[in-house]
Amino acid sequence: MADTKNGPELHPQTVELARGANYGSITTVLPSGNFQTQLIWVHTDGERLVVNTEVHRQKFKNVQRDPRVTLTIRNEQDPYHYAEAR
């Protein structure tokens, strides 16, 4: 896959999952170094994965402090079909 200005190009199957009615989970790093995982809505603009949160949420604060995240999107019809982005 080619790289874009924001990182690697998304795989077509990842785009398909993000455009569907599928849940994702996002894992961020807490100030203590422990991980925090939450269920989240995921979408895509075709080039990037897009998530929604509010600035007072812990996951937002975590990403501001440490941008390392893992985002997993699973197919609601087949949970063994999923995509992961880091």
PDB file of N, CA and C in Angstrom:
ATOM      1  N   MET A   1       0.836  -1.167   0.000  1.00  0.00           N
ATOM      2  CA  MET A   1       0.000   0.000   0.000  1.00  0.00           C
ATOM      3  C   MET A   1       0.889   1.241   0.000  1.00  0.00           C
ATOM      4  N   ALA A   2       0.445   2.251  -0.696  1.00  0.00           N
ATOM      5  CA  ALA A   2       1.181   3.506  -0.755  1.00  0.00           C
ATOM      6  C   ALA A   2       0.987   4.296   0.533  1.00  0.00           C
ATOM      7  N   ASP A   3       1.949   5.172   0.807  1.00  0.00           N
ATOM      8  CA  ASP A   3       1.807   6.060   1.951  1.00  0.00           C
ATOM      9  C   ASP A   3       1.125   7.346   1.507  1.00  0.00           C
ATOM     10  N   THR A   4       0.341   7.929   2.404  1.00  0.00           N
ATOM     11  CA  THR A   4      -0.254   9.237   2.169  1.00  0.00           C
ATOM     12  C   THR A   4       0.444  10.219   3.088  1.00  0.00           C
ATOM     13  N   LYS A   5       0.075  11.491   3.008  1.00  0.00           N
ATOM     14  CA  LYS A   5       0.720  12.489   3.868  1.00  0.00           C
ATOM     15  C   LYS A   5       0.454  12.232   5.350  1.00  0.00           C
ATOM     16  N   ASN A   6      -0.600  11.465   5.655  1.00  0.00           N
ATOM     17  CA  ASN A   6      -0.949  11.180   7.043  1.00  0.00           C
ATOM     18  C   ASN A   6      -0.587   9.767   7.475  1.00  0.00           C
ATOM     19  N   GLY A   7       0.120   9.023   6.647  1.00  0.00           N
ATOM     20  CA  GLY A   7       0.481   7.660   7.005  1.00  0.00           C
ATOM     21  C   GLY A   7       0.149   6.705   5.887  1.00  0.00           C
ATOM     22  N   PRO A   8       0.168   5.414   6.179  1.00  0.00           N
ATOM     23  CA  PRO A   8      -0.101   4.412   5.150  1.00  0.00           C
ATOM     24  C   PRO A   8      -1.530   4.515   4.614  1.00  0.00           C
ATOM     25  N   GLU A   9      -1.675   4.197   3.348  1.00  0.00           N
ATOM     26  CA  GLU A   9      -2.999   4.176   2.721  1.00  0.00           C
ATOM     27  C   GLU A   9      -3.849   3.081   3.364  1.00  0.00           C
ATOM     28  N   LEU A  10      -5.133   3.360   3.552  1.00  0.00           N
ATOM     29  CA  LEU A  10      -6.037   2.372   4.144  1.00  0.00           C
ATOM     30  C   LEU A  10      -6.327   1.252   3.158  1.00  0.00           C
ATOM     31  N   HIS A  11      -6.356   0.039   3.655  1.00  0.00           N
ATOM     32  CA  HIS A  11      -6.727  -1.116   2.842  1.00  0.00           C
ATOM     33  C   HIS A  11      -8.203  -0.989   2.484  1.00  0.00           C
ATOM     34  N   PRO A  12      -8.607  -1.356   1.263  1.00  0.00           N
ATOM     35  CA  PRO A  12     -10.017  -1.252   0.867  1.00  0.00           C
ATOM     36  C   PRO A  12     -10.983  -1.956   1.824  1.00  0.00           C
ATOM     37  N   GLN A  13     -10.586  -3.075   2.402  1.00  0.00           N
ATOM     38  CA  GLN A  13     -11.469  -3.771   3.348  1.00  0.00           C
ATOM     39  C   GLN A  13     -11.629  -2.982   4.651  1.00  0.00           C
ATOM     40  N   THR A  14     -10.593  -2.240   5.035  1.00  0.00           N
ATOM     41  CA  THR A  14     -10.697  -1.381   6.216  1.00  0.00           C
ATOM     42  C   THR A  14     -11.678  -0.250   5.951  1.00  0.00           C
ATOM     43  N   VAL A  15     -11.594   0.343   4.771  1.00  0.00           N
ATOM     44  CA  VAL A  15     -12.529   1.404   4.384  1.00  0.00           C
ATOM     45  C   VAL A  15     -13.957   0.869   4.387  1.00  0.00           C
ATOM     46  N   GLU A  16     -14.149  -0.320   3.839  1.00  0.00           N
ATOM     47  CA  GLU A  16     -15.483  -0.934   3.795  1.00  0.00           C
ATOM     48  C   GLU A  16     -16.038  -1.137   5.211  1.00  0.00           C
ATOM     49  N   LEU A  17     -15.223  -1.651   6.112  1.00  0.00           N
ATOM     50  CA  LEU A  17     -15.668  -1.847   7.496  1.00  0.00           C
ATOM     51  C   LEU A  17     -15.998  -0.513   8.168  1.00  0.00           C
ATOM     52  N   ALA A  18     -15.177   0.504   7.940  1.00  0.00           N
ATOM     53  CA  ALA A  18     -15.394   1.808   8.570  1.00  0.00           C
ATOM     54  C   ALA A  18     -16.639   2.499   8.028  1.00  0.00           C
ATOM     55  N   ARG A  19     -16.989   2.229   6.797  1.00  0.00           N
ATOM     56  CA  ARG A  19     -18.190   2.838   6.210  1.00  0.00           C
ATOM     57  C   ARG A  19     -19.461   2.089   6.580  1.00  0.00           C
ATOM     58  N   GLY A  20     -19.327   0.880   7.090  1.00  0.00           N
ATOM     59  CA  GLY A  20     -20.486   0.090   7.491  1.00  0.00           C
ATOM     60  C   GLY A  20     -20.952   0.451   8.889  1.00  0.00           C
ATOM     61  N   ALA A  21     -22.032  -0.167   9.297  1.00  0.00           N
ATOM     62  CA  ALA A  21     -22.585   0.057  10.646  1.00  0.00           C
ATOM     63  C   ALA A  21     -21.891  -0.875  11.633  1.00  0.00           C
ATOM     64  N   ASN A  22     -20.596  -0.657  11.811  1.00  0.00           N
ATOM     65  CA  ASN A  22     -19.777  -1.519  12.657  1.00  0.00           C
ATOM     66  C   ASN A  22     -19.171  -0.716  13.797  1.00  0.00           C
ATOM     67  N   TYR A  23     -19.049  -1.351  14.939  1.00  0.00           N
ATOM     68  CA  TYR A  23     -18.400  -0.718  16.080  1.00  0.00           C
ATOM     69  C   TYR A  23     -16.895  -0.917  15.993  1.00  0.00           C
ATOM     70  N   GLY A  24     -16.200  -0.006  16.623  1.00  0.00           N
ATOM     71  CA  GLY A  24     -14.770  -0.139  16.766  1.00  0.00           C
ATOM     72  C   GLY A  24     -14.407  -0.070  18.234  1.00  0.00           C
ATOM     73  N   SER A  25     -13.179  -0.400  18.520  1.00  0.00           N
ATOM     74  CA  SER A  25     -12.653  -0.182  19.867  1.00  0.00           C
ATOM     75  C   SER A  25     -11.337   0.557  19.720  1.00  0.00           C
ATOM     76  N   ILE A  26     -11.152   1.530  20.581  1.00  0.00           N
ATOM     77  CA  ILE A  26      -9.931   2.324  20.553  1.00  0.00           C
ATOM     78  C   ILE A  26      -9.191   2.101  21.867  1.00  0.00           C
ATOM     79  N   THR A  27      -7.908   1.862  21.754  1.00  0.00           N
ATOM     80  CA  THR A  27      -7.068   1.680  22.935  1.00  0.00           C
ATOM     81  C   THR A  27      -6.067   2.822  22.982  1.00  0.00           C
ATOM     82  N   THR A  28      -6.041   3.517  24.113  1.00  0.00           N
ATOM     83  CA  THR A  28      -5.114   4.619  24.335  1.00  0.00           C
ATOM     84  C   THR A  28      -4.304   4.324  25.594  1.00  0.00           C
ATOM     85  N   VAL A  29      -3.293   5.154  25.829  1.00  0.00           N
ATOM     86  CA  VAL A  29      -2.408   4.957  26.983  1.00  0.00           C
ATOM     87  C   VAL A  29      -2.748   5.982  28.066  1.00  0.00           C
ATOM     88  N   LEU A  30      -3.101   5.480  29.244  1.00  0.00           N
ATOM     89  CA  LEU A  30      -3.390   6.339  30.394  1.00  0.00           C
ATOM     90  C   LEU A  30      -2.101   6.962  30.944  1.00  0.00           C
ATOM     91  N   PRO A  31      -2.202   8.048  31.715  1.00  0.00           N
ATOM     92  CA  PRO A  31      -1.003   8.642  32.311  1.00  0.00           C
ATOM     93  C   PRO A  31      -0.175   7.644  33.128  1.00  0.00           C
ATOM     94  N   SER A  32      -0.825   6.655  33.721  1.00  0.00           N
ATOM     95  CA  SER A  32      -0.124   5.642  34.521  1.00  0.00           C
ATOM     96  C   SER A  32       0.665   4.657  33.662  1.00  0.00           C
ATOM     97  N   GLY A  33       0.419   4.679  32.336  1.00  0.00           N
ATOM     98  CA  GLY A  33       1.050   3.711  31.441  1.00  0.00           C
ATOM     99  C   GLY A  33       0.163   2.518  31.148  1.00  0.00           C
ATOM    100  N   ASN A  34      -0.926   2.375  31.889  1.00  0.00           N
ATOM    101  CA  ASN A  34      -1.901   1.315  31.608  1.00  0.00           C
ATOM    102  C   ASN A  34      -2.700   1.674  30.363  1.00  0.00           C
ATOM    103  N   PHE A  35      -3.375   0.682  29.811  1.00  0.00           N
ATOM    104  CA  PHE A  35      -4.166   0.898  28.607  1.00  0.00           C
ATOM    105  C   PHE A  35      -5.629   1.114  28.955  1.00  0.00           C
ATOM    106  N   GLN A  36      -6.301   1.909  28.144  1.00  0.00           N
ATOM    107  CA  GLN A  36      -7.735   2.131  28.264  1.00  0.00           C
ATOM    108  C   GLN A  36      -8.356   1.789  26.915  1.00  0.00           C
ATOM    109  N   THR A  37      -9.333   0.881  26.909  1.00  0.00           N
ATOM    110  CA  THR A  37     -10.024   0.490  25.681  1.00  0.00           C
ATOM    111  C   THR A  37     -11.499   0.820  25.825  1.00  0.00           C
ATOM    112  N   GLN A  38     -12.050   1.445  24.782  1.00  0.00           N
ATOM    113  CA  GLN A  38     -13.456   1.824  24.792  1.00  0.00           C
ATOM    114  C   GLN A  38     -14.092   1.506  23.449  1.00  0.00           C
ATOM    115  N   LEU A  39     -15.375   1.175  23.492  1.00  0.00           N
ATOM    116  CA  LEU A  39     -16.167   1.010  22.285  1.00  0.00           C
ATOM    117  C   LEU A  39     -16.403   2.388  21.683  1.00  0.00           C
ATOM    118  N   ILE A  40     -16.379   2.475  20.346  1.00  0.00           N
ATOM    119  CA  ILE A  40     -16.479   3.778  19.705  1.00  0.00           C
ATOM    120  C   ILE A  40     -17.052   3.628  18.296  1.00  0.00           C
ATOM    121  N   TRP A  41     -17.746   4.655  17.825  1.00  0.00           N
ATOM    122  CA  TRP A  41     -18.165   4.696  16.427  1.00  0.00           C
ATOM    123  C   TRP A  41     -16.957   5.065  15.582  1.00  0.00           C
ATOM    124  N   VAL A  42     -16.827   4.438  14.428  1.00  0.00           N
ATOM    125  CA  VAL A  42     -15.712   4.695  13.520  1.00  0.00           C
ATOM    126  C   VAL A  42     -16.276   4.991  12.141  1.00  0.00           C
ATOM    127  N   HIS A  43     -15.653   5.912  11.435  1.00  0.00           N
ATOM    128  CA  HIS A  43     -16.019   6.203  10.054  1.00  0.00           C
ATOM    129  C   HIS A  43     -14.722   6.484   9.300  1.00  0.00           C
ATOM    130  N   THR A  44     -14.836   6.790   8.024  1.00  0.00           N
ATOM    131  CA  THR A  44     -13.669   7.137   7.222  1.00  0.00           C
ATOM    132  C   THR A  44     -14.038   8.223   6.231  1.00  0.00           C
ATOM    133  N   ASP A  45     -13.061   9.034   5.898  1.00  0.00           N
ATOM    134  CA  ASP A  45     -13.231   9.997   4.816  1.00  0.00           C
ATOM    135  C   ASP A  45     -12.624   9.438   3.525  1.00  0.00           C
ATOM    136  N   GLY A  46     -12.262   8.164   3.556  1.00  0.00           N
ATOM    137  CA  GLY A  46     -11.654   7.505   2.406  1.00  0.00           C
ATOM    138  C   GLY A  46     -10.141   7.413   2.502  1.00  0.00           C
ATOM    139  N   GLU A  47      -9.533   8.333   3.243  1.00  0.00           N
ATOM    140  CA  GLU A  47      -8.078   8.330   3.424  1.00  0.00           C
ATOM    141  C   GLU A  47      -7.666   8.081   4.867  1.00  0.00           C
ATOM    142  N   ARG A  48      -8.515   8.505   5.793  1.00  0.00           N
ATOM    143  CA  ARG A  48      -8.203   8.381   7.221  1.00  0.00           C
ATOM    144  C   ARG A  48      -9.385   7.757   7.939  1.00  0.00           C
ATOM    145  N   LEU A  49      -9.102   7.107   9.055  1.00  0.00           N
ATOM    146  CA  LEU A  49     -10.168   6.656   9.945  1.00  0.00           C
ATOM    147  C   LEU A  49     -10.544   7.840  10.831  1.00  0.00           C
ATOM    148  N   VAL A  50     -11.830   7.980  11.096  1.00  0.00           N
ATOM    149  CA  VAL A  50     -12.333   9.126  11.844  1.00  0.00           C
ATOM    150  C   VAL A  50     -13.120   8.615  13.050  1.00  0.00           C
ATOM    151  N   VAL A  51     -12.825   9.163  14.221  1.00  0.00           N
ATOM    152  CA  VAL A  51     -13.576   8.841  15.435  1.00  0.00           C
ATOM    153  C   VAL A  51     -14.068  10.149  16.044  1.00  0.00           C
ATOM    154  N   ASN A  52     -15.040  10.038  16.920  1.00  0.00           N
ATOM    155  CA  ASN A  52     -15.640  11.214  17.528  1.00  0.00           C
ATOM    156  C   ASN A  52     -15.519  11.115  19.043  1.00  0.00           C
ATOM    157  N   THR A  53     -15.105  12.197  19.661  1.00  0.00           N
ATOM    158  CA  THR A  53     -15.078  12.275  21.118  1.00  0.00           C
ATOM    159  C   THR A  53     -15.190  13.733  21.522  1.00  0.00           C
ATOM    160  N   GLU A  54     -15.174  13.992  22.792  1.00  0.00           N
ATOM    161  CA  GLU A  54     -15.226  15.355  23.318  1.00  0.00           C
ATOM    162  C   GLU A  54     -13.936  15.633  24.078  1.00  0.00           C
ATOM    163  N   VAL A  55     -13.536  16.906  24.114  1.00  0.00           N
ATOM    164  CA  VAL A  55     -12.234  17.261  24.674  1.00  0.00           C
ATOM    165  C   VAL A  55     -12.105  16.950  26.167  1.00  0.00           C
ATOM    166  N   HIS A  56     -13.208  16.821  26.881  1.00  0.00           N
ATOM    167  CA  HIS A  56     -13.108  16.520  28.311  1.00  0.00           C
ATOM    168  C   HIS A  56     -13.024  15.014  28.584  1.00  0.00           C
ATOM    169  N   ARG A  57     -13.124  14.185  27.555  1.00  0.00           N
ATOM    170  CA  ARG A  57     -13.050  12.728  27.726  1.00  0.00           C
ATOM    171  C   ARG A  57     -11.600  12.291  27.936  1.00  0.00           C
ATOM    172  N   GLN A  58     -11.431  11.224  28.713  1.00  0.00           N
ATOM    173  CA  GLN A  58     -10.090  10.727  29.006  1.00  0.00           C
ATOM    174  C   GLN A  58      -9.371  10.271  27.745  1.00  0.00           C
ATOM    175  N   LYS A  59     -10.084   9.637  26.804  1.00  0.00           N
ATOM    176  CA  LYS A  59      -9.396   9.163  25.595  1.00  0.00           C
ATOM    177  C   LYS A  59      -8.809  10.322  24.798  1.00  0.00           C
ATOM    178  N   PHE A  60      -9.507  11.465  24.767  1.00  0.00           N
ATOM    179  CA  PHE A  60      -8.975  12.649  24.085  1.00  0.00           C
ATOM    180  C   PHE A  60      -7.700  13.120  24.778  1.00  0.00           C
ATOM    181  N   LYS A  61      -7.755  13.216  26.092  1.00  0.00           N
ATOM    182  CA  LYS A  61      -6.581  13.644  26.862  1.00  0.00           C
ATOM    183  C   LYS A  61      -5.417  12.677  26.666  1.00  0.00           C
ATOM    184  N   ASN A  62      -5.734  11.383  26.624  1.00  0.00           N
ATOM    185  CA  ASN A  62      -4.688  10.379  26.417  1.00  0.00           C
ATOM    186  C   ASN A  62      -3.993  10.575  25.075  1.00  0.00           C
ATOM    187  N   VAL A  63      -4.776  10.793  24.014  1.00  0.00           N
ATOM    188  CA  VAL A  63      -4.204  10.942  22.664  1.00  0.00           C
ATOM    189  C   VAL A  63      -3.420  12.245  22.552  1.00  0.00           C
ATOM    190  N   GLN A  64      -3.890  13.296  23.213  1.00  0.00           N
ATOM    191  CA  GLN A  64      -3.148  14.560  23.215  1.00  0.00           C
ATOM    192  C   GLN A  64      -1.771  14.368  23.843  1.00  0.00           C
ATOM    193  N   ARG A  65      -1.714  13.594  24.910  1.00  0.00           N
ATOM    194  CA  ARG A  65      -0.469  13.363  25.637  1.00  0.00           C
ATOM    195  C   ARG A  65       0.423  12.336  24.943  1.00  0.00           C
ATOM    196  N   ASP A  66      -0.191  11.283  24.407  1.00  0.00           N
ATOM    197  CA  ASP A  66       0.550  10.176  23.790  1.00  0.00           C
ATOM    198  C   ASP A  66      -0.263   9.672  22.601  1.00  0.00           C
ATOM    199  N   PRO A  67       0.127  10.030  21.375  1.00  0.00           N
ATOM    200  CA  PRO A  67      -0.695   9.716  20.195  1.00  0.00           C
ATOM    201  C   PRO A  67      -0.699   8.249  19.763  1.00  0.00           C
ATOM    202  N   ARG A  68      -0.045   7.382  20.500  1.00  0.00           N
ATOM    203  CA  ARG A  68      -0.071   5.962  20.136  1.00  0.00           C
ATOM    204  C   ARG A  68      -1.438   5.374  20.467  1.00  0.00           C
ATOM    205  N   VAL A  69      -2.127   4.889  19.451  1.00  0.00           N
ATOM    206  CA  VAL A  69      -3.447   4.271  19.635  1.00  0.00           C
ATOM    207  C   VAL A  69      -3.533   3.017  18.778  1.00  0.00           C
ATOM    208  N   THR A  70      -4.427   2.142  19.159  1.00  0.00           N
ATOM    209  CA  THR A  70      -4.823   1.017  18.317  1.00  0.00           C
ATOM    210  C   THR A  70      -6.325   1.117  18.145  1.00  0.00           C
ATOM    211  N   LEU A  71      -6.770   1.020  16.899  1.00  0.00           N
ATOM    212  CA  LEU A  71      -8.191   1.077  16.579  1.00  0.00           C
ATOM    213  C   LEU A  71      -8.558  -0.210  15.854  1.00  0.00           C
ATOM    214  N   THR A  72      -9.527  -0.920  16.386  1.00  0.00           N
ATOM    215  CA  THR A  72      -9.996  -2.167  15.778  1.00  0.00           C
ATOM    216  C   THR A  72     -11.455  -1.981  15.388  1.00  0.00           C
ATOM    217  N   ILE A  73     -11.794  -2.366  14.156  1.00  0.00           N
ATOM    218  CA  ILE A  73     -13.176  -2.318  13.676  1.00  0.00           C
ATOM    219  C   ILE A  73     -13.579  -3.745  13.364  1.00  0.00           C
ATOM    220  N   ARG A  74     -14.712  -4.174  13.921  1.00  0.00           N
ATOM    221  CA  ARG A  74     -15.153  -5.543  13.649  1.00  0.00           C
ATOM    222  C   ARG A  74     -16.480  -5.521  12.917  1.00  0.00           C
ATOM    223  N   ASN A  75     -16.635  -6.478  12.033  1.00  0.00           N
ATOM    224  CA  ASN A  75     -17.863  -6.633  11.267  1.00  0.00           C
ATOM    225  C   ASN A  75     -18.951  -7.147  12.205  1.00  0.00           C
ATOM    226  N   GLU A  76     -20.060  -6.434  12.290  1.00  0.00           N
ATOM    227  CA  GLU A  76     -21.147  -6.821  13.195  1.00  0.00           C
ATOM    228  C   GLU A  76     -21.764  -8.164  12.813  1.00  0.00           C
ATOM    229  N   GLN A  77     -21.709  -8.534  11.535  1.00  0.00           N
ATOM    230  CA  GLN A  77     -22.287  -9.794  11.072  1.00  0.00           C
ATOM    231  C   GLN A  77     -21.322 -10.969  11.238  1.00  0.00           C
ATOM    232  N   ASP A  78     -20.036 -10.671  11.235  1.00  0.00           N
ATOM    233  CA  ASP A  78     -19.009 -11.710  11.340  1.00  0.00           C
ATOM    234  C   ASP A  78     -17.852 -11.166  12.179  1.00  0.00           C
ATOM    235  N   PRO A  79     -17.884 -11.353  13.503  1.00  0.00           N
ATOM    236  CA  PRO A  79     -16.871 -10.753  14.365  1.00  0.00           C
ATOM    237  C   PRO A  79     -15.448 -11.247  14.107  1.00  0.00           C
ATOM    238  N   TYR A  80     -15.292 -12.308  13.321  1.00  0.00           N
ATOM    239  CA  TYR A  80     -13.947 -12.771  12.966  1.00  0.00           C
ATOM    240  C   TYR A  80     -13.382 -11.997  11.780  1.00  0.00           C
ATOM    241  N   HIS A  81     -14.187 -11.131  11.180  1.00  0.00           N
ATOM    242  CA  HIS A  81     -13.752 -10.252  10.090  1.00  0.00           C
ATOM    243  C   HIS A  81     -13.553  -8.864  10.699  1.00  0.00           C
ATOM    244  N   TYR A  82     -12.302  -8.440  10.790  1.00  0.00           N
ATOM    245  CA  TYR A  82     -12.007  -7.173  11.446  1.00  0.00           C
ATOM    246  C   TYR A  82     -10.785  -6.529  10.808  1.00  0.00           C
ATOM    247  N   ALA A  83     -10.580  -5.266  11.134  1.00  0.00           N
ATOM    248  CA  ALA A  83      -9.391  -4.540  10.695  1.00  0.00           C
ATOM    249  C   ALA A  83      -8.792  -3.852  11.913  1.00  0.00           C
ATOM    250  N   GLU A  84      -7.477  -3.737  11.915  1.00  0.00           N
ATOM    251  CA  GLU A  84      -6.781  -3.074  13.014  1.00  0.00           C
ATOM    252  C   GLU A  84      -5.844  -2.026  12.437  1.00  0.00           C
ATOM    253  N   ALA A  85      -5.853  -0.849  13.036  1.00  0.00           N
ATOM    254  CA  ALA A  85      -4.937   0.229  12.632  1.00  0.00           C
ATOM    255  C   ALA A  85      -4.201   0.707  13.873  1.00  0.00           C
ATOM    256  N   ARG A  86      -2.926   1.004  13.687  1.00  0.00           N
ATOM    257  CA  ARG A  86      -2.120   1.516  14.810  1.00  0.00           C
ATOM    258  C   ARG A  86      -1.493   2.826  14.413  1.00  0.00           C
TER     259      ARG A  86
END
